[in-house]
Amino acid sequence: MNFIDEGIVLHYGDGRDSCDTYGAREAVVNKENGIYYLFYDGAGKKGWISCLAESRDLHTWTKKGTILTLGDSIKNDHKSASSPWVIKENNTWHMFYIGTPNTTPAPYRIPAFPYLTMKARSAALSGPWKKQYDVTPLPPRANSYYTVTSSPGFIVKNKNEYLMFFSGATQDSLGIRRTLGLARTDNLNKSWVIENEPLFPLSEQIENSSLYYEETSKTWFLFTNHIGIDKSGSEYTDAIWVYWSKDINKWNREDKAVAMDSSNSIWARGAIGMPTVIKAGNRLALLYDAAEGASKDHMRRSIALAWIGLPLKIPD
């Protein structure tokens, strides 16, 4: 799927209060009243915390600083509060974000398992956000595909329920295996019901999600991050894949293509990070993070913008 890359639109390093000193990644874009709101993980001096940037054209962004805080030492988000997905119900925005009590050592403090879904709410996308520690949206489960990761993803309302395409991962003698799962609820302030089987086999090695519905063909397109292995045996995010389906509840692993990797990125030849997509006029915008050059590192990533024309078509 031939997205045309524009390059970096949000550089890391100059966020308020050193919020993205070591990197900016995992973008999630929303739009309200003509303003694009970009949540992204700022790797700052205190840890990875969700930051906000605003724009009217997707090209020029104004950084607003962090929108979440770390919890106290007994909370599951006391080491990281990041990667938020949101949905509006009536006059309230509901946020589902990643919390973890574990990271690598300072200064980079890269989040480590378990990746847990936590909850907050606000009257506005710009905040302030009030955490809801009494809600456990996606509790991990032993002997499942989401034992070490049950982290949030794209949310859509479908008929009388909400669907979340969440990231699930398990770790065993075969290593870390990742996929996407489907969770359902009719109450955003309670735990979600998680499907027993994932949307795709664990061998797909994918995480994170962003959906777009093409009205002309009645087709859903799901964008996600693929985890590859380099020649040394190390894992890294190597591409953005896209799946398609007429039925939002059923997906086929064979119906997929590459949307972005080092062959069509104009600035990144190593790691290609998490996607977020949004319609902008007669084009679909894709924002993703990466490190410049051949780097596959988690740090020093910036966020870039790519485009494809609409209507979105299934690749040959």
Protein backbone atom coordinates (compact mmCIF):
# COMPACT_ATOMS: atom_id res chain seq x y z
CA MET A 1 0.00 0.00 0.00
CA ASN A 2 1.94 2.95 -1.33
CA PHE A 3 1.96 5.68 1.31
CA ILE A 4 4.03 8.69 0.28
CA ASP A 5 6.26 9.83 3.12
CA GLU A 6 6.63 13.52 3.97
CA GLY A 7 9.23 13.01 6.66
CA ILE A 8 9.50 14.27 10.23
CA VAL A 9 6.84 16.71 11.45
CA LEU A 10 7.51 16.49 15.19
CA HIS A 11 11.10 16.27 16.40
CA TYR A 12 11.98 14.97 19.83
CA GLY A 13 13.99 16.95 22.36
CA ASP A 14 12.35 20.36 22.85
CA GLY A 15 9.15 19.54 24.74
CA ARG A 16 8.09 21.48 27.81
CA ASP A 17 9.79 20.56 31.08
CA SER A 18 12.11 18.13 29.25
CA CYS A 19 9.13 15.84 28.58
CA ASP A 20 10.62 14.35 25.37
CA THR A 21 14.36 14.81 25.95
CA TYR A 22 15.20 11.26 24.88
CA GLY A 23 12.49 10.61 22.30
CA ALA A 24 8.94 11.05 20.96
CA ARG A 25 7.04 7.98 19.81
CA GLU A 26 3.74 6.04 19.72
CA ALA A 27 1.56 8.78 18.27
CA VAL A 28 -2.24 8.70 18.58
CA VAL A 29 -4.14 11.40 16.66
CA ASN A 30 -7.66 12.75 17.23
CA LYS A 31 -9.53 15.73 15.82
CA GLU A 32 -12.13 18.04 17.34
CA ASN A 33 -13.38 21.46 16.25
CA GLY A 34 -10.77 21.75 13.50
CA ILE A 35 -7.82 20.99 15.79
CA TYR A 36 -5.70 17.85 15.64
CA TYR A 37 -4.68 16.54 19.06
CA LEU A 38 -1.61 14.31 19.00
CA PHE A 39 -0.87 12.23 22.07
CA TYR A 40 2.63 10.81 22.02
CA ASP A 41 4.99 9.11 24.44
CA GLY A 42 7.62 11.52 25.62
CA ALA A 43 10.75 9.82 26.93
CA GLY A 44 11.66 12.41 29.54
CA LYS A 45 13.84 12.63 32.61
CA LYS A 46 11.11 11.14 34.84
CA GLY A 47 10.14 8.33 32.48
CA TRP A 48 7.84 7.72 29.53
CA ILE A 49 4.76 9.88 30.00
CA SER A 50 2.05 10.84 27.52
CA CYS A 51 2.48 14.31 26.01
CA LEU A 52 0.19 16.45 23.86
CA ALA A 53 0.82 18.46 20.69
CA GLU A 54 -1.77 20.44 18.71
CA SER A 55 -2.02 21.37 15.02
CA ARG A 56 -4.49 22.65 12.44
CA ASP A 57 -2.78 21.09 9.41
CA LEU A 58 -0.87 17.98 10.64
CA HIS A 59 2.39 19.64 9.54
CA THR A 60 3.10 22.24 12.23
CA TRP A 61 2.71 21.14 15.83
CA THR A 62 2.67 23.10 19.10
CA LYS A 63 3.87 21.03 22.03
CA LYS A 64 1.83 21.38 25.23
CA GLY A 65 3.84 19.13 27.55
CA THR A 66 2.72 16.11 29.56
CA ILE A 67 -0.98 15.35 30.04
CA LEU A 68 -0.56 12.52 32.55
CA THR A 69 1.54 12.07 35.68
CA LEU A 70 3.22 9.08 37.24
CA GLY A 71 1.27 7.39 40.02
CA ASP A 72 2.61 6.93 43.52
CA SER A 73 4.77 3.93 44.40
CA ILE A 74 1.86 1.54 45.00
CA LYS A 75 0.13 2.27 41.68
CA ASN A 76 0.66 0.27 38.47
CA ASP A 77 1.54 3.45 36.57
CA HIS A 78 4.28 4.69 38.88
CA LYS A 79 7.00 4.05 36.28
CA SER A 80 5.15 4.94 33.06
CA ALA A 81 1.79 6.47 32.03
CA SER A 82 1.72 6.46 28.25
CA SER A 83 0.11 5.50 24.91
CA PRO A 84 -3.46 6.72 25.46
CA TRP A 85 -6.44 5.90 23.25
CA VAL A 86 -9.61 7.91 23.73
CA ILE A 87 -13.27 7.92 22.78
CA LYS A 88 -16.01 10.44 23.51
CA GLU A 89 -19.32 9.47 25.07
CA ASN A 90 -21.81 12.32 25.50
CA ASN A 91 -19.76 15.14 27.09
CA THR A 92 -16.97 12.99 28.49
CA TRP A 93 -13.73 11.82 26.92
CA HIS A 94 -12.64 8.39 28.16
CA MET A 95 -8.93 7.58 28.05
CA PHE A 96 -7.31 4.16 28.19
CA TYR A 97 -3.55 4.30 28.68
CA ILE A 98 -0.60 2.01 29.42
CA GLY A 99 0.70 1.80 32.95
CA THR A 100 3.61 -0.28 34.20
CA PRO A 101 5.51 -0.59 37.48
CA ASN A 102 8.70 -1.68 35.68
CA THR A 103 11.27 0.02 33.43
CA THR A 104 14.90 -0.30 32.47
CA PRO A 105 17.35 1.80 34.54
CA ALA A 106 17.77 5.57 34.22
CA PRO A 107 18.22 7.63 32.18
CA TYR A 108 16.09 6.02 29.46
CA ARG A 109 13.56 4.15 31.65
CA ILE A 110 12.11 2.05 28.81
CA PRO A 111 8.80 0.49 29.95
CA ALA A 112 8.95 -3.24 30.74
CA PHE A 113 6.33 -5.97 31.29
CA PRO A 114 3.64 -6.09 32.38
CA TYR A 115 1.92 -3.55 30.11
CA LEU A 116 -1.42 -2.82 31.74
CA THR A 117 -4.46 -0.81 30.64
CA MET A 118 -5.50 2.01 32.95
CA LYS A 119 -8.32 4.57 32.81
CA ALA A 120 -8.83 8.34 32.99
CA ARG A 121 -11.53 10.80 31.95
CA SER A 122 -11.83 14.46 30.98
CA ALA A 123 -14.29 17.00 29.63
CA ALA A 124 -11.77 18.01 26.93
CA LEU A 125 -9.05 16.35 24.89
CA SER A 126 -6.57 18.88 26.21
CA GLY A 127 -7.38 17.84 29.79
CA PRO A 128 -7.11 17.97 32.71
CA TRP A 129 -7.40 14.18 32.94
CA LYS A 130 -8.65 12.53 36.13
CA LYS A 131 -7.34 9.01 36.71
CA GLN A 132 -9.81 6.25 37.61
CA TYR A 133 -7.78 3.74 39.60
CA ASP A 134 -10.96 1.88 40.56
CA VAL A 135 -11.42 0.72 36.93
CA THR A 136 -9.41 -2.23 35.52
CA PRO A 137 -10.37 -2.22 31.83
CA LEU A 138 -8.34 -5.20 30.52
CA PRO A 139 -7.13 -7.42 33.36
CA PRO A 140 -4.41 -9.86 32.17
CA ARG A 141 -5.21 -13.57 32.47
CA ALA A 142 -2.99 -16.58 33.10
CA ASN A 143 -2.72 -19.18 30.33
CA SER A 144 -3.97 -16.77 27.69
CA TYR A 145 -2.56 -14.78 24.78
CA TYR A 146 -2.36 -11.67 26.98
CA THR A 147 -0.42 -12.76 30.08
CA VAL A 148 2.26 -10.02 30.00
CA THR A 149 0.55 -7.42 27.82
CA SER A 150 -3.07 -6.35 27.78
CA SER A 151 -2.53 -2.81 26.58
CA PRO A 152 -5.10 -0.51 24.97
CA GLY A 153 -5.74 0.11 21.29
CA PHE A 154 -8.15 1.77 18.88
CA ILE A 155 -11.76 2.04 20.10
CA VAL A 156 -14.85 2.23 17.92
CA LYS A 157 -18.55 2.19 18.69
CA ASN A 158 -20.32 -0.59 16.79
CA LYS A 159 -24.10 -0.70 17.18
CA ASN A 160 -24.77 -0.79 20.94
CA GLU A 161 -21.29 -1.67 22.15
CA TYR A 162 -17.74 -0.43 22.08
CA LEU A 163 -14.95 -2.50 20.53
CA MET A 164 -11.28 -2.16 21.42
CA PHE A 165 -8.49 -3.64 19.31
CA PHE A 166 -5.99 -4.19 22.10
CA SER A 167 -2.45 -5.56 22.15
CA GLY A 168 -1.93 -8.94 23.76
CA ALA A 169 1.35 -10.72 24.39
CA THR A 170 2.58 -13.77 26.21
CA GLN A 171 6.09 -14.94 27.11
CA ASP A 172 7.10 -18.59 27.32
CA SER A 173 9.76 -21.02 26.11
CA LEU A 174 9.15 -19.79 22.54
CA GLY A 175 9.94 -16.20 23.51
CA ILE A 176 7.66 -13.17 23.38
CA ARG A 177 4.69 -13.64 21.06
CA ARG A 178 2.34 -10.80 20.19
CA THR A 179 -1.03 -10.30 18.55
CA LEU A 180 -4.20 -8.21 18.65
CA GLY A 181 -7.34 -9.15 20.53
CA LEU A 182 -10.89 -7.84 20.60
CA ALA A 183 -12.57 -6.57 23.76
CA ARG A 184 -16.17 -5.43 24.16
CA THR A 185 -18.17 -3.32 26.57
CA ASP A 186 -21.35 -1.30 26.86
CA ASN A 187 -20.00 0.57 29.90
CA LEU A 188 -16.71 2.45 29.53
CA ASN A 189 -16.28 2.62 33.32
CA LYS A 190 -16.17 -1.15 33.85
CA SER A 191 -13.92 -4.03 32.81
CA TRP A 192 -14.23 -5.10 29.18
CA VAL A 193 -15.15 -8.60 28.02
CA ILE A 194 -12.14 -10.03 26.15
CA GLU A 195 -12.57 -12.55 23.34
CA ASN A 196 -11.04 -15.94 24.21
CA GLU A 197 -9.24 -16.19 20.87
CA PRO A 198 -7.09 -13.43 19.33
CA LEU A 199 -7.90 -11.78 16.01
CA PHE A 200 -4.68 -13.16 14.52
CA PRO A 201 -2.31 -16.00 15.48
CA LEU A 202 0.48 -15.14 17.90
CA SER A 203 2.95 -15.90 15.11
CA GLU A 204 1.93 -12.63 13.38
CA GLN A 205 4.03 -10.69 15.91
CA ILE A 206 2.01 -7.45 15.78
CA GLU A 207 1.06 -4.81 18.34
CA ASN A 208 -0.92 -1.54 18.53
CA SER A 209 -3.83 -0.62 16.27
CA SER A 210 -5.47 2.18 14.31
CA LEU A 211 -8.60 1.67 12.19
CA TYR A 212 -10.11 3.41 9.18
CA TYR A 213 -13.48 2.62 7.58
CA GLU A 214 -13.74 3.09 3.82
CA GLU A 215 -17.37 3.93 3.16
CA THR A 216 -17.20 3.43 -0.62
CA SER A 217 -16.26 -0.25 -0.33
CA LYS A 218 -17.67 -0.94 3.17
CA THR A 219 -14.23 -2.14 4.23
CA TRP A 220 -12.34 -1.80 7.50
CA PHE A 221 -8.58 -1.24 7.36
CA LEU A 222 -6.51 -2.04 10.44
CA PHE A 223 -3.01 -0.57 10.72
CA THR A 224 -0.57 -2.19 13.15
CA ASN A 225 3.12 -2.48 14.01
CA HIS A 226 5.06 -5.60 13.02
CA ILE A 227 7.94 -6.87 15.16
CA GLY A 228 10.86 -8.26 13.16
CA ILE A 229 14.20 -9.83 14.04
CA ASP A 230 17.49 -8.51 12.70
CA LYS A 231 20.57 -10.54 11.76
CA SER A 232 21.85 -10.48 15.35
CA GLY A 233 18.61 -12.00 16.62
CA SER A 234 17.36 -8.81 18.25
CA GLU A 235 13.71 -7.75 17.97
CA TYR A 236 12.67 -4.38 16.62
CA THR A 237 9.63 -2.72 15.04
CA ASP A 238 10.40 -3.12 11.35
CA ALA A 239 7.19 -2.17 9.50
CA ILE A 240 3.60 -0.99 9.59
CA TRP A 241 1.20 -3.60 8.26
CA VAL A 242 -2.40 -3.10 7.16
CA TYR A 243 -5.15 -5.73 7.24
CA TRP A 244 -8.62 -5.39 5.70
CA SER A 245 -12.02 -6.93 6.32
CA LYS A 246 -15.69 -6.36 5.50
CA ASP A 247 -16.60 -7.66 8.97
CA ILE A 248 -15.11 -5.72 11.89
CA ASN A 249 -15.38 -8.84 14.06
CA LYS A 250 -13.53 -11.23 11.73
CA TRP A 251 -10.09 -10.85 10.15
CA ASN A 252 -7.95 -13.03 7.90
CA ARG A 253 -4.17 -13.04 8.41
CA GLU A 254 -3.70 -13.45 4.65
CA ASP A 255 -5.51 -10.20 3.83
CA LYS A 256 -2.66 -7.82 4.57
CA ALA A 257 -0.01 -5.61 3.00
CA VAL A 258 2.91 -3.40 4.03
CA ALA A 259 1.94 0.23 4.50
CA MET A 260 5.29 1.65 5.63
CA ASP A 261 8.78 0.28 6.05
CA SER A 262 12.34 1.31 5.25
CA SER A 263 11.63 1.09 1.50
CA ASN A 264 9.14 4.00 1.41
CA SER A 265 10.24 5.99 4.47
CA ILE A 266 12.43 8.85 3.25
CA TRP A 267 14.34 9.24 6.52
CA ALA A 268 14.31 5.96 8.49
CA ARG A 269 16.19 2.84 7.43
CA GLY A 270 15.89 0.88 10.67
CA ALA A 271 13.01 0.83 13.13
CA ILE A 272 9.54 1.90 11.94
CA GLY A 273 7.20 2.49 14.87
CA MET A 274 3.53 2.59 15.77
CA PRO A 275 0.94 3.94 13.27
CA THR A 276 -2.04 6.23 13.72
CA VAL A 277 -4.32 7.20 10.82
CA ILE A 278 -6.93 9.90 10.25
CA LYS A 279 -8.86 11.22 7.25
CA ALA A 280 -7.80 14.68 6.10
CA GLY A 281 -9.76 15.94 3.08
CA ASN A 282 -9.39 13.50 0.18
CA ARG A 283 -6.38 11.76 1.71
CA LEU A 284 -5.60 9.45 4.60
CA ALA A 285 -2.83 10.68 6.87
CA LEU A 286 -0.52 8.22 8.64
CA LEU A 287 1.70 9.35 11.52
CA TYR A 288 4.45 7.05 12.75
CA ASP A 289 7.61 7.18 14.84
CA ALA A 290 11.10 6.14 13.87
CA ALA A 291 14.74 6.89 14.50
CA GLU A 292 16.72 8.65 11.80
CA GLY A 293 19.07 6.59 9.66
CA ALA A 294 19.60 2.90 10.31
CA SER A 295 18.95 3.02 14.05
CA LYS A 296 16.72 0.33 15.56
CA ASP A 297 16.90 1.82 19.03
CA HIS A 298 13.93 2.63 21.25
CA MET A 299 15.30 6.10 21.95
CA ARG A 300 15.74 9.31 19.96
CA ARG A 301 12.70 8.74 17.81
CA SER A 302 10.67 11.46 16.12
CA ILE A 303 7.25 11.42 14.47
CA ALA A 304 6.70 11.59 10.71
CA LEU A 305 3.74 12.04 8.37
CA ALA A 306 2.79 10.07 5.26
CA TRP A 307 -0.20 10.21 2.88
CA ILE A 308 -2.29 8.09 0.57
CA GLY A 309 -5.21 9.11 -1.61
CA LEU A 310 -8.82 8.22 -0.89
CA PRO A 311 -10.87 6.17 -1.40
CA LEU A 312 -8.57 3.60 0.16
CA LYS A 313 -8.28 0.55 -2.07
CA ILE A 314 -7.37 -3.02 -1.31
CA PRO A 315 -3.92 -3.75 -2.82
CA ASP A 316 -3.70 -6.23 -5.70
